[in-house]
């Protein structure tokens, strides 16, 4: 399955039912940065912290992008999306998911054109 949305690229996701990202150990990244670069290795790919738990969203995790708002990636479990809802959103080419924070603050454009 490929994510058909523009924005930071993410490889296909697995359907593992392991522990939720909030319970997993890992570095917590700054809350206001949707993409973090490794200053000690400028050739390393960027890190995408989750917009909820602020831990890295790994390539093998189910994740979704708040494409119309903050541009943060969210672990599916952190976003509280059910697996069927997640699969429906990621398989629909024209669907765009918006996180709860952007919806509540209305931090989304009224009209968005695709180029």
PDB file of N, CA and C in Angstrom:
ATOM      1  N   UNK A   1       0.852  -1.169   0.000  1.00  0.00           N
ATOM      2  CA  UNK A   1       0.000   0.000   0.000  1.00  0.00           C
ATOM      3  C   UNK A   1       0.896   1.228   0.000  1.00  0.00           C
ATOM      4  N   UNK A   2       0.632   2.177  -0.837  1.00  0.00           N
ATOM      5  CA  UNK A   2       1.396   3.410  -0.912  1.00  0.00           C
ATOM      6  C   UNK A   2       0.541   4.556  -0.433  1.00  0.00           C
ATOM      7  N   UNK A   3       1.167   5.530   0.228  1.00  0.00           N
ATOM      8  CA  UNK A   3       0.461   6.733   0.641  1.00  0.00           C
ATOM      9  C   UNK A   3       0.466   7.659  -0.560  1.00  0.00           C
ATOM     10  N   UNK A   4      -0.687   8.047  -1.066  1.00  0.00           N
ATOM     11  CA  UNK A   4      -0.801   8.820  -2.292  1.00  0.00           C
ATOM     12  C   UNK A   4      -0.840  10.318  -2.056  1.00  0.00           C
ATOM     13  N   UNK A   5      -0.509  10.766  -0.884  1.00  0.00           N
ATOM     14  CA  UNK A   5      -0.566  12.179  -0.566  1.00  0.00           C
ATOM     15  C   UNK A   5       0.781  12.833  -0.807  1.00  0.00           C
ATOM     16  N   UNK A   6       0.751  14.135  -1.116  1.00  0.00           N
ATOM     17  CA  UNK A   6       1.986  14.885  -1.245  1.00  0.00           C
ATOM     18  C   UNK A   6       2.497  15.197   0.145  1.00  0.00           C
ATOM     19  N   UNK A   7       3.732  15.649   0.239  1.00  0.00           N
ATOM     20  CA  UNK A   7       4.301  15.961   1.541  1.00  0.00           C
ATOM     21  C   UNK A   7       5.457  15.027   1.814  1.00  0.00           C
ATOM     22  N   UNK A   8       5.909  14.978   3.047  1.00  0.00           N
ATOM     23  CA  UNK A   8       7.046  14.124   3.369  1.00  0.00           C
ATOM     24  C   UNK A   8       6.752  12.678   2.993  1.00  0.00           C
ATOM     25  N   UNK A   9       7.696  12.025   2.291  1.00  0.00           N
ATOM     26  CA  UNK A   9       7.445  10.655   1.848  1.00  0.00           C
ATOM     27  C   UNK A   9       7.497   9.675   3.009  1.00  0.00           C
ATOM     28  N   UNK A  10       6.629   8.691   2.964  1.00  0.00           N
ATOM     29  CA  UNK A  10       6.645   7.611   3.946  1.00  0.00           C
ATOM     30  C   UNK A  10       6.477   6.310   3.179  1.00  0.00           C
ATOM     31  N   UNK A  11       7.302   5.304   3.463  1.00  0.00           N
ATOM     32  CA  UNK A  11       7.163   4.005   2.814  1.00  0.00           C
ATOM     33  C   UNK A  11       5.886   3.298   3.252  1.00  0.00           C
ATOM     34  N   UNK A  12       5.581   2.162   2.637  1.00  0.00           N
ATOM     35  CA  UNK A  12       4.391   1.408   3.032  1.00  0.00           C
ATOM     36  C   UNK A  12       4.418   1.077   4.514  1.00  0.00           C
ATOM     37  N   UNK A  13       3.240   0.940   5.089  1.00  0.00           N
ATOM     38  CA  UNK A  13       3.125   0.681   6.517  1.00  0.00           C
ATOM     39  C   UNK A  13       2.726  -0.759   6.765  1.00  0.00           C
ATOM     40  N   UNK A  14       3.130  -1.263   7.931  1.00  0.00           N
ATOM     41  CA  UNK A  14       2.746  -2.621   8.298  1.00  0.00           C
ATOM     42  C   UNK A  14       1.454  -2.588   9.087  1.00  0.00           C
ATOM     43  N   UNK A  15       0.902  -3.725   9.321  1.00  0.00           N
ATOM     44  CA  UNK A  15      -0.342  -3.822  10.084  1.00  0.00           C
ATOM     45  C   UNK A  15      -0.099  -4.473  11.435  1.00  0.00           C
ATOM     46  N   UNK A  16       1.104  -4.317  11.992  1.00  0.00           N
ATOM     47  CA  UNK A  16       1.398  -4.969  13.265  1.00  0.00           C
ATOM     48  C   UNK A  16       0.540  -4.384  14.373  1.00  0.00           C
ATOM     49  N   UNK A  17       0.201  -5.228  15.312  1.00  0.00           N
ATOM     50  CA  UNK A  17      -0.612  -4.808  16.443  1.00  0.00           C
ATOM     51  C   UNK A  17       0.217  -4.792  17.710  1.00  0.00           C
ATOM     52  N   UNK A  18       1.443  -4.308  17.662  1.00  0.00           N
ATOM     53  CA  UNK A  18       2.333  -4.258  18.816  1.00  0.00           C
ATOM     54  C   UNK A  18       1.913  -3.172  19.778  1.00  0.00           C
ATOM     55  N   UNK A  19       2.777  -2.853  20.743  1.00  0.00           N
ATOM     56  CA  UNK A  19       2.436  -1.822  21.718  1.00  0.00           C
ATOM     57  C   UNK A  19       2.247  -0.472  21.043  1.00  0.00           C
ATOM     58  N   UNK A  20       1.408   0.356  21.629  1.00  0.00           N
ATOM     59  CA  UNK A  20       1.165   1.669  21.044  1.00  0.00           C
ATOM     60  C   UNK A  20       2.430   2.509  21.162  1.00  0.00           C
ATOM     61  N   UNK A  21       2.653   3.465  20.237  1.00  0.00           N
ATOM     62  CA  UNK A  21       3.871   4.269  20.252  1.00  0.00           C
ATOM     63  C   UNK A  21       4.093   5.006  21.574  1.00  0.00           C
ATOM     64  N   UNK A  22       3.030   5.411  22.263  1.00  0.00           N
ATOM     65  CA  UNK A  22       3.194   6.130  23.513  1.00  0.00           C
ATOM     66  C   UNK A  22       3.885   5.264  24.559  1.00  0.00           C
ATOM     67  N   UNK A  23       3.726   3.949  24.478  1.00  0.00           N
ATOM     68  CA  UNK A  23       4.293   3.037  25.456  1.00  0.00           C
ATOM     69  C   UNK A  23       5.694   2.593  25.081  1.00  0.00           C
ATOM     70  N   UNK A  24       6.118   2.848  23.868  1.00  0.00           N
ATOM     71  CA  UNK A  24       7.406   2.382  23.399  1.00  0.00           C
ATOM     72  C   UNK A  24       8.500   3.353  23.819  1.00  0.00           C
ATOM     73  N   UNK A  25       9.666   2.819  24.186  1.00  0.00           N
ATOM     74  CA  UNK A  25      10.769   3.710  24.540  1.00  0.00           C
ATOM     75  C   UNK A  25      11.271   4.421  23.291  1.00  0.00           C
ATOM     76  N   UNK A  26      11.845   5.559  23.476  1.00  0.00           N
ATOM     77  CA  UNK A  26      12.395   6.292  22.351  1.00  0.00           C
ATOM     78  C   UNK A  26      12.559   7.754  22.685  1.00  0.00           C
ATOM     79  N   UNK A  27      13.353   8.410  21.883  1.00  0.00           N
ATOM     80  CA  UNK A  27      13.621   9.824  22.088  1.00  0.00           C
ATOM     81  C   UNK A  27      12.368  10.644  21.800  1.00  0.00           C
ATOM     82  N   UNK A  28      12.139  11.661  22.614  1.00  0.00           N
ATOM     83  CA  UNK A  28      11.030  12.588  22.400  1.00  0.00           C
ATOM     84  C   UNK A  28      11.617  13.830  21.732  1.00  0.00           C
ATOM     85  N   UNK A  29      11.012  14.257  20.626  1.00  0.00           N
ATOM     86  CA  UNK A  29      11.511  15.384  19.841  1.00  0.00           C
ATOM     87  C   UNK A  29      10.734  16.654  20.167  1.00  0.00           C
ATOM     88  N   UNK A  30      11.262  17.829  19.767  1.00  0.00           N
ATOM     89  CA  UNK A  30      10.565  19.102  20.043  1.00  0.00           C
ATOM     90  C   UNK A  30       9.138  19.097  19.513  1.00  0.00           C
ATOM     91  N   UNK A  31       8.252  19.741  20.257  1.00  0.00           N
ATOM     92  CA  UNK A  31       6.826  19.723  19.941  1.00  0.00           C
ATOM     93  C   UNK A  31       6.464  20.541  18.708  1.00  0.00           C
ATOM     94  N   UNK A  32       7.285  21.488  18.298  1.00  0.00           N
ATOM     95  CA  UNK A  32       6.908  22.411  17.232  1.00  0.00           C
ATOM     96  C   UNK A  32       7.604  22.129  15.909  1.00  0.00           C
ATOM     97  N   UNK A  33       8.244  20.978  15.759  1.00  0.00           N
ATOM     98  CA  UNK A  33       8.984  20.679  14.535  1.00  0.00           C
ATOM     99  C   UNK A  33       8.456  19.407  13.874  1.00  0.00           C
ATOM    100  N   UNK A  34       7.764  19.538  12.728  1.00  0.00           N
ATOM    101  CA  UNK A  34       7.244  18.349  12.058  1.00  0.00           C
ATOM    102  C   UNK A  34       8.324  17.509  11.379  1.00  0.00           C
ATOM    103  N   UNK A  35       9.546  18.074  11.255  1.00  0.00           N
ATOM    104  CA  UNK A  35      10.653  17.354  10.637  1.00  0.00           C
ATOM    105  C   UNK A  35      11.933  17.765  11.353  1.00  0.00           C
ATOM    106  N   UNK A  36      12.759  16.786  11.720  1.00  0.00           N
ATOM    107  CA  UNK A  36      13.994  17.050  12.452  1.00  0.00           C
ATOM    108  C   UNK A  36      15.149  16.451  11.663  1.00  0.00           C
ATOM    109  N   UNK A  37      16.231  17.210  11.543  1.00  0.00           N
ATOM    110  CA  UNK A  37      17.424  16.726  10.858  1.00  0.00           C
ATOM    111  C   UNK A  37      18.491  16.393  11.887  1.00  0.00           C
ATOM    112  N   UNK A  38      19.334  15.427  11.566  1.00  0.00           N
ATOM    113  CA  UNK A  38      20.418  15.020  12.444  1.00  0.00           C
ATOM    114  C   UNK A  38      21.639  15.882  12.134  1.00  0.00           C
ATOM    115  N   UNK A  39      22.009  16.835  13.030  1.00  0.00           N
ATOM    116  CA  UNK A  39      23.139  17.718  12.737  1.00  0.00           C
ATOM    117  C   UNK A  39      24.472  16.981  12.663  1.00  0.00           C
ATOM    118  N   UNK A  40      24.604  15.842  13.332  1.00  0.00           N
ATOM    119  CA  UNK A  40      25.865  15.105  13.290  1.00  0.00           C
ATOM    120  C   UNK A  40      25.991  14.253  12.028  1.00  0.00           C
ATOM    121  N   UNK A  41      24.891  14.059  11.307  1.00  0.00           N
ATOM    122  CA  UNK A  41      24.921  13.314  10.052  1.00  0.00           C
ATOM    123  C   UNK A  41      23.982  13.982   9.052  1.00  0.00           C
ATOM    124  N   UNK A  42      24.469  15.010   8.339  1.00  0.00           N
ATOM    125  CA  UNK A  42      23.601  15.748   7.410  1.00  0.00           C
ATOM    126  C   UNK A  42      23.073  14.907   6.251  1.00  0.00           C
ATOM    127  N   UNK A  43      23.680  13.757   5.975  1.00  0.00           N
ATOM    128  CA  UNK A  43      23.211  12.896   4.889  1.00  0.00           C
ATOM    129  C   UNK A  43      22.117  11.932   5.334  1.00  0.00           C
ATOM    130  N   UNK A  44      21.856  11.881   6.621  1.00  0.00           N
ATOM    131  CA  UNK A  44      20.808  10.990   7.134  1.00  0.00           C
ATOM    132  C   UNK A  44      19.440  11.532   6.739  1.00  0.00           C
ATOM    133  N   UNK A  45      18.486  10.640   6.512  1.00  0.00           N
ATOM    134  CA  UNK A  45      17.135  11.119   6.186  1.00  0.00           C
ATOM    135  C   UNK A  45      16.527  11.850   7.375  1.00  0.00           C
ATOM    136  N   UNK A  46      15.578  12.747   7.122  1.00  0.00           N
ATOM    137  CA  UNK A  46      14.957  13.473   8.235  1.00  0.00           C
ATOM    138  C   UNK A  46      14.139  12.540   9.119  1.00  0.00           C
ATOM    139  N   UNK A  47      13.909  12.983  10.335  1.00  0.00           N
ATOM    140  CA  UNK A  47      13.087  12.260  11.304  1.00  0.00           C
ATOM    141  C   UNK A  47      11.756  12.982  11.382  1.00  0.00           C
ATOM    142  N   UNK A  48      10.663  12.216  11.367  1.00  0.00           N
ATOM    143  CA  UNK A  48       9.322  12.786  11.458  1.00  0.00           C
ATOM    144  C   UNK A  48       8.725  12.431  12.817  1.00  0.00           C
ATOM    145  N   UNK A  49       8.722  13.385  13.768  1.00  0.00           N
ATOM    146  CA  UNK A  49       8.121  13.103  15.081  1.00  0.00           C
ATOM    147  C   UNK A  49       6.596  13.099  15.001  1.00  0.00           C
ATOM    148  N   UNK A  50       5.983  12.257  15.812  1.00  0.00           N
ATOM    149  CA  UNK A  50       4.525  12.184  15.898  1.00  0.00           C
ATOM    150  C   UNK A  50       3.993  13.474  16.512  1.00  0.00           C
ATOM    151  N   UNK A  51       2.889  13.967  15.989  1.00  0.00           N
ATOM    152  CA  UNK A  51       2.279  15.186  16.503  1.00  0.00           C
ATOM    153  C   UNK A  51       1.650  15.038  17.873  1.00  0.00           C
ATOM    154  N   UNK A  52       1.515  13.809  18.387  1.00  0.00           N
ATOM    155  CA  UNK A  52       0.938  13.586  19.714  1.00  0.00           C
ATOM    156  C   UNK A  52       2.018  13.211  20.718  1.00  0.00           C
ATOM    157  N   UNK A  53       2.720  12.092  20.486  1.00  0.00           N
ATOM    158  CA  UNK A  53       3.700  11.599  21.465  1.00  0.00           C
ATOM    159  C   UNK A  53       5.090  12.182  21.245  1.00  0.00           C
ATOM    160  N   UNK A  54       5.333  12.798  20.093  1.00  0.00           N
ATOM    161  CA  UNK A  54       6.592  13.442  19.729  1.00  0.00           C
ATOM    162  C   UNK A  54       7.757  12.467  19.624  1.00  0.00           C
ATOM    163  N   UNK A  55       7.442  11.180  19.443  1.00  0.00           N
ATOM    164  CA  UNK A  55       8.463  10.173  19.183  1.00  0.00           C
ATOM    165  C   UNK A  55       8.499   9.920  17.684  1.00  0.00           C
ATOM    166  N   UNK A  56       9.634   9.397  17.205  1.00  0.00           N
ATOM    167  CA  UNK A  56       9.812   9.187  15.777  1.00  0.00           C
ATOM    168  C   UNK A  56       8.747   8.257  15.201  1.00  0.00           C
ATOM    169  N   UNK A  57       8.235   8.653  14.035  1.00  0.00           N
ATOM    170  CA  UNK A  57       7.335   7.796  13.271  1.00  0.00           C
ATOM    171  C   UNK A  57       8.234   6.986  12.342  1.00  0.00           C
ATOM    172  N   UNK A  58       8.309   5.686  12.588  1.00  0.00           N
ATOM    173  CA  UNK A  58       9.172   4.805  11.806  1.00  0.00           C
ATOM    174  C   UNK A  58       8.461   4.341  10.538  1.00  0.00           C
ATOM    175  N   UNK A  59       9.269   3.966   9.554  1.00  0.00           N
ATOM    176  CA  UNK A  59       8.748   3.547   8.254  1.00  0.00           C
ATOM    177  C   UNK A  59       7.811   2.347   8.339  1.00  0.00           C
ATOM    178  N   UNK A  60       7.992   1.490   9.330  1.00  0.00           N
ATOM    179  CA  UNK A  60       7.188   0.269   9.422  1.00  0.00           C
ATOM    180  C   UNK A  60       5.953   0.436  10.303  1.00  0.00           C
ATOM    181  N   UNK A  61       5.627   1.661  10.698  1.00  0.00           N
ATOM    182  CA  UNK A  61       4.464   1.920  11.547  1.00  0.00           C
ATOM    183  C   UNK A  61       3.332   2.535  10.729  1.00  0.00           C
ATOM    184  N   UNK A  62       2.111   2.240  11.124  1.00  0.00           N
ATOM    185  CA  UNK A  62       0.974   2.889  10.486  1.00  0.00           C
ATOM    186  C   UNK A  62       0.969   4.344  10.947  1.00  0.00           C
ATOM    187  N   UNK A  63       0.968   5.257   9.986  1.00  0.00           N
ATOM    188  CA  UNK A  63       1.017   6.684  10.299  1.00  0.00           C
ATOM    189  C   UNK A  63       0.250   7.458   9.247  1.00  0.00           C
ATOM    190  N   UNK A  64      -0.197   8.644   9.627  1.00  0.00           N
ATOM    191  CA  UNK A  64      -0.979   9.475   8.712  1.00  0.00           C
ATOM    192  C   UNK A  64      -0.525  10.921   8.856  1.00  0.00           C
ATOM    193  N   UNK A  65      -0.548  11.645   7.754  1.00  0.00           N
ATOM    194  CA  UNK A  65      -0.071  13.022   7.703  1.00  0.00           C
ATOM    195  C   UNK A  65      -1.226  14.004   7.801  1.00  0.00           C
ATOM    196  N   UNK A  66      -1.072  15.019   8.639  1.00  0.00           N
ATOM    197  CA  UNK A  66      -2.030  16.131   8.691  1.00  0.00           C
ATOM    198  C   UNK A  66      -1.623  17.079   7.564  1.00  0.00           C
ATOM    199  N   UNK A  67      -2.034  16.715   6.374  1.00  0.00           N
ATOM    200  CA  UNK A  67      -1.570  17.385   5.157  1.00  0.00           C
ATOM    201  C   UNK A  67      -2.141  18.786   4.991  1.00  0.00           C
ATOM    202  N   UNK A  68      -3.345  19.014   5.427  1.00  0.00           N
ATOM    203  CA  UNK A  68      -3.986  20.316   5.232  1.00  0.00           C
ATOM    204  C   UNK A  68      -3.742  21.280   6.380  1.00  0.00           C
ATOM    205  N   UNK A  69      -3.080  20.823   7.426  1.00  0.00           N
ATOM    206  CA  UNK A  69      -2.886  21.674   8.597  1.00  0.00           C
ATOM    207  C   UNK A  69      -1.426  21.815   8.976  1.00  0.00           C
ATOM    208  N   UNK A  70      -1.034  21.142  10.056  1.00  0.00           N
ATOM    209  CA  UNK A  70       0.283  21.332  10.668  1.00  0.00           C
ATOM    210  C   UNK A  70       1.419  20.580   9.985  1.00  0.00           C
ATOM    211  N   UNK A  71       1.117  19.660   9.084  1.00  0.00           N
ATOM    212  CA  UNK A  71       2.112  18.838   8.388  1.00  0.00           C
ATOM    213  C   UNK A  71       2.899  17.911   9.304  1.00  0.00           C
ATOM    214  N   UNK A  72       2.328  17.552  10.448  1.00  0.00           N
ATOM    215  CA  UNK A  72       2.924  16.543  11.315  1.00  0.00           C
ATOM    216  C   UNK A  72       2.430  15.174  10.884  1.00  0.00           C
ATOM    217  N   UNK A  73       3.289  14.172  11.036  1.00  0.00           N
ATOM    218  CA  UNK A  73       2.878  12.779  10.923  1.00  0.00           C
ATOM    219  C   UNK A  73       2.360  12.345  12.281  1.00  0.00           C
ATOM    220  N   UNK A  74       1.410  11.418  12.304  1.00  0.00           N
ATOM    221  CA  UNK A  74       0.826  10.900  13.537  1.00  0.00           C
ATOM    222  C   UNK A  74       0.799   9.383  13.466  1.00  0.00           C
ATOM    223  N   UNK A  75       1.255   8.722  14.540  1.00  0.00           N
ATOM    224  CA  UNK A  75       1.036   7.278  14.632  1.00  0.00           C
ATOM    225  C   UNK A  75      -0.474   7.051  14.586  1.00  0.00           C
ATOM    226  N   UNK A  76      -0.905   6.005  13.913  1.00  0.00           N
ATOM    227  CA  UNK A  76      -2.342   5.730  13.844  1.00  0.00           C
ATOM    228  C   UNK A  76      -2.934   5.621  15.237  1.00  0.00           C
ATOM    229  N   UNK A  77      -2.246   4.932  16.138  1.00  0.00           N
ATOM    230  CA  UNK A  77      -2.782   4.756  17.488  1.00  0.00           C
ATOM    231  C   UNK A  77      -2.819   6.072  18.253  1.00  0.00           C
ATOM    232  N   UNK A  78      -1.858   6.954  18.031  1.00  0.00           N
ATOM    233  CA  UNK A  78      -1.872   8.266  18.698  1.00  0.00           C
ATOM    234  C   UNK A  78      -3.019   9.128  18.186  1.00  0.00           C
ATOM    235  N   UNK A  79      -3.341   8.982  16.904  1.00  0.00           N
ATOM    236  CA  UNK A  79      -4.425   9.774  16.314  1.00  0.00           C
ATOM    237  C   UNK A  79      -5.796   9.228  16.694  1.00  0.00           C
ATOM    238  N   UNK A  80      -5.819   8.035  17.280  1.00  0.00           N
ATOM    239  CA  UNK A  80      -7.050   7.345  17.677  1.00  0.00           C
ATOM    240  C   UNK A  80      -7.903   6.915  16.487  1.00  0.00           C
ATOM    241  N   UNK A  81      -7.277   6.828  15.312  1.00  0.00           N
ATOM    242  CA  UNK A  81      -7.988   6.288  14.151  1.00  0.00           C
ATOM    243  C   UNK A  81      -8.090   4.777  14.306  1.00  0.00           C
ATOM    244  N   UNK A  82      -9.244   4.240  14.002  1.00  0.00           N
ATOM    245  CA  UNK A  82      -9.370   2.785  13.982  1.00  0.00           C
ATOM    246  C   UNK A  82      -8.623   2.274  12.757  1.00  0.00           C
ATOM    247  N   UNK A  83      -8.263   1.013  12.768  1.00  0.00           N
ATOM    248  CA  UNK A  83      -7.557   0.467  11.615  1.00  0.00           C
ATOM    249  C   UNK A  83      -8.400   0.531  10.343  1.00  0.00           C
ATOM    250  N   UNK A  84      -9.713   0.206  10.383  1.00  0.00           N
ATOM    251  CA  UNK A  84     -10.520   0.343   9.150  1.00  0.00           C
ATOM    252  C   UNK A  84     -10.571   1.794   8.641  1.00  0.00           C
ATOM    253  N   UNK A  85     -10.680   2.767   9.544  1.00  0.00           N
ATOM    254  CA  UNK A  85     -10.708   4.174   9.120  1.00  0.00           C
ATOM    255  C   UNK A  85      -9.368   4.567   8.515  1.00  0.00           C
ATOM    256  N   UNK A  86      -8.287   4.129   9.142  1.00  0.00           N
ATOM    257  CA  UNK A  86      -6.943   4.413   8.634  1.00  0.00           C
ATOM    258  C   UNK A  86      -6.769   3.832   7.229  1.00  0.00           C
ATOM    259  N   UNK A  87      -7.159   2.577   7.055  1.00  0.00           N
ATOM    260  CA  UNK A  87      -7.018   1.936   5.746  1.00  0.00           C
ATOM    261  C   UNK A  87      -7.857   2.645   4.691  1.00  0.00           C
ATOM    262  N   UNK A  88      -9.056   3.050   5.048  1.00  0.00           N
ATOM    263  CA  UNK A  88      -9.919   3.760   4.109  1.00  0.00           C
ATOM    264  C   UNK A  88      -9.278   5.097   3.702  1.00  0.00           C
ATOM    265  N   UNK A  89      -8.759   5.841   4.665  1.00  0.00           N
ATOM    266  CA  UNK A  89      -8.141   7.136   4.366  1.00  0.00           C
ATOM    267  C   UNK A  89      -6.884   6.990   3.519  1.00  0.00           C
ATOM    268  N   UNK A  90      -6.051   6.014   3.830  1.00  0.00           N
ATOM    269  CA  UNK A  90      -4.787   5.879   3.107  1.00  0.00           C
ATOM    270  C   UNK A  90      -4.954   5.265   1.727  1.00  0.00           C
ATOM    271  N   UNK A  91      -6.069   4.594   1.481  1.00  0.00           N
ATOM    272  CA  UNK A  91      -6.299   4.004   0.164  1.00  0.00           C
ATOM    273  C   UNK A  91      -7.044   4.949  -0.778  1.00  0.00           C
ATOM    274  N   UNK A  92      -7.642   5.987  -0.253  1.00  0.00           N
ATOM    275  CA  UNK A  92      -8.385   6.952  -1.072  1.00  0.00           C
ATOM    276  C   UNK A  92      -7.430   8.054  -1.533  1.00  0.00           C
ATOM    277  N   UNK A  93      -7.246   8.165  -2.841  1.00  0.00           N
ATOM    278  CA  UNK A  93      -6.284   9.106  -3.408  1.00  0.00           C
ATOM    279  C   UNK A  93      -6.576  10.553  -3.008  1.00  0.00           C
ATOM    280  N   UNK A  94      -7.834  10.953  -3.002  1.00  0.00           N
ATOM    281  CA  UNK A  94      -8.168  12.354  -2.762  1.00  0.00           C
ATOM    282  C   UNK A  94      -8.518  12.671  -1.311  1.00  0.00           C
ATOM    283  N   UNK A  95      -8.454  11.702  -0.435  1.00  0.00           N
ATOM    284  CA  UNK A  95      -8.777  11.950   0.982  1.00  0.00           C
ATOM    285  C   UNK A  95      -7.614  12.652   1.662  1.00  0.00           C
ATOM    286  N   UNK A  96      -7.941  13.613   2.493  1.00  0.00           N
ATOM    287  CA  UNK A  96      -6.938  14.292   3.309  1.00  0.00           C
ATOM    288  C   UNK A  96      -7.412  14.267   4.747  1.00  0.00           C
ATOM    289  N   UNK A  97      -6.549  13.797   5.625  1.00  0.00           N
ATOM    290  CA  UNK A  97      -6.868  13.724   7.043  1.00  0.00           C
ATOM    291  C   UNK A  97      -6.322  14.974   7.723  1.00  0.00           C
ATOM    292  N   UNK A  98      -7.068  15.503   8.676  1.00  0.00           N
ATOM    293  CA  UNK A  98      -6.643  16.671   9.452  1.00  0.00           C
ATOM    294  C   UNK A  98      -6.692  16.279  10.921  1.00  0.00           C
ATOM    295  N   UNK A  99      -5.643  16.613  11.669  1.00  0.00           N
ATOM    296  CA  UNK A  99      -5.580  16.241  13.083  1.00  0.00           C
ATOM    297  C   UNK A  99      -6.591  17.040  13.911  1.00  0.00           C
ATOM    298  N   UNK A 100      -6.868  16.530  15.104  1.00  0.00           N
ATOM    299  CA  UNK A 100      -7.848  17.171  15.989  1.00  0.00           C
ATOM    300  C   UNK A 100      -7.462  18.604  16.335  1.00  0.00           C
ATOM    301  N   UNK A 101      -6.164  18.844  16.544  1.00  0.00           N
ATOM    302  CA  UNK A 101      -5.719  20.194  16.918  1.00  0.00           C
ATOM    303  C   UNK A 101      -6.002  21.190  15.794  1.00  0.00           C
ATOM    304  N   UNK A 102      -5.679  20.816  14.568  1.00  0.00           N
ATOM    305  CA  UNK A 102      -5.918  21.721  13.438  1.00  0.00           C
ATOM    306  C   UNK A 102      -7.408  21.936  13.199  1.00  0.00           C
ATOM    307  N   UNK A 103      -8.220  20.909  13.418  1.00  0.00           N
ATOM    308  CA  UNK A 103      -9.669  21.065  13.281  1.00  0.00           C
ATOM    309  C   UNK A 103     -10.188  22.008  14.353  1.00  0.00           C
ATOM    310  N   UNK A 104      -9.749  21.825  15.605  1.00  0.00           N
ATOM    311  CA  UNK A 104     -10.272  22.648  16.702  1.00  0.00           C
ATOM    312  C   UNK A 104      -9.806  24.097  16.618  1.00  0.00           C
ATOM    313  N   UNK A 105      -8.605  24.333  16.079  1.00  0.00           N
ATOM    314  CA  UNK A 105      -8.113  25.711  15.942  1.00  0.00           C
ATOM    315  C   UNK A 105      -8.446  26.287  14.573  1.00  0.00           C
ATOM    316  N   UNK A 106      -9.103  25.471  13.739  1.00  0.00           N
ATOM    317  CA  UNK A 106      -9.453  25.859  12.367  1.00  0.00           C
ATOM    318  C   UNK A 106      -8.211  26.275  11.571  1.00  0.00           C
ATOM    319  N   UNK A 107      -7.100  25.596  11.841  1.00  0.00           N
ATOM    320  CA  UNK A 107      -5.841  25.862  11.165  1.00  0.00           C
ATOM    321  C   UNK A 107      -5.762  25.060   9.864  1.00  0.00           C
ATOM    322  N   UNK A 108      -6.804  25.193   9.047  1.00  0.00           N
ATOM    323  CA  UNK A 108      -6.839  24.501   7.762  1.00  0.00           C
ATOM    324  C   UNK A 108      -7.342  25.475   6.701  1.00  0.00           C
ATOM    325  N   UNK A 109      -6.785  25.395   5.501  1.00  0.00           N
ATOM    326  CA  UNK A 109      -7.252  26.304   4.454  1.00  0.00           C
ATOM    327  C   UNK A 109      -8.668  25.939   4.016  1.00  0.00           C
ATOM    328  N   UNK A 110      -9.514  26.939   3.718  1.00  0.00           N
ATOM    329  CA  UNK A 110     -10.882  26.647   3.286  1.00  0.00           C
ATOM    330  C   UNK A 110     -10.927  25.933   1.938  1.00  0.00           C
ATOM    331  N   UNK A 111      -9.965  26.240   1.064  1.00  0.00           N
ATOM    332  CA  UNK A 111      -9.905  25.612  -0.256  1.00  0.00           C
ATOM    333  C   UNK A 111      -8.463  25.234  -0.516  1.00  0.00           C
ATOM    334  N   UNK A 112      -8.265  24.035  -1.007  1.00  0.00           N
ATOM    335  CA  UNK A 112      -6.916  23.590  -1.345  1.00  0.00           C
ATOM    336  C   UNK A 112      -6.952  23.012  -2.741  1.00  0.00           C
ATOM    337  N   UNK A 113      -6.052  23.476  -3.586  1.00  0.00           N
ATOM    338  CA  UNK A 113      -6.002  22.959  -4.946  1.00  0.00           C
ATOM    339  C   UNK A 113      -4.845  21.984  -5.064  1.00  0.00           C
ATOM    340  N   UNK A 114      -5.033  20.971  -5.856  1.00  0.00           N
ATOM    341  CA  UNK A 114      -3.978  19.991  -6.131  1.00  0.00           C
ATOM    342  C   UNK A 114      -3.301  20.395  -7.424  1.00  0.00           C
ATOM    343  N   UNK A 115      -1.977  20.327  -7.411  1.00  0.00           N
ATOM    344  CA  UNK A 115      -1.259  20.659  -8.643  1.00  0.00           C
ATOM    345  C   UNK A 115      -0.665  19.433  -9.257  1.00  0.00           C
TER     346      UNK A 115
END
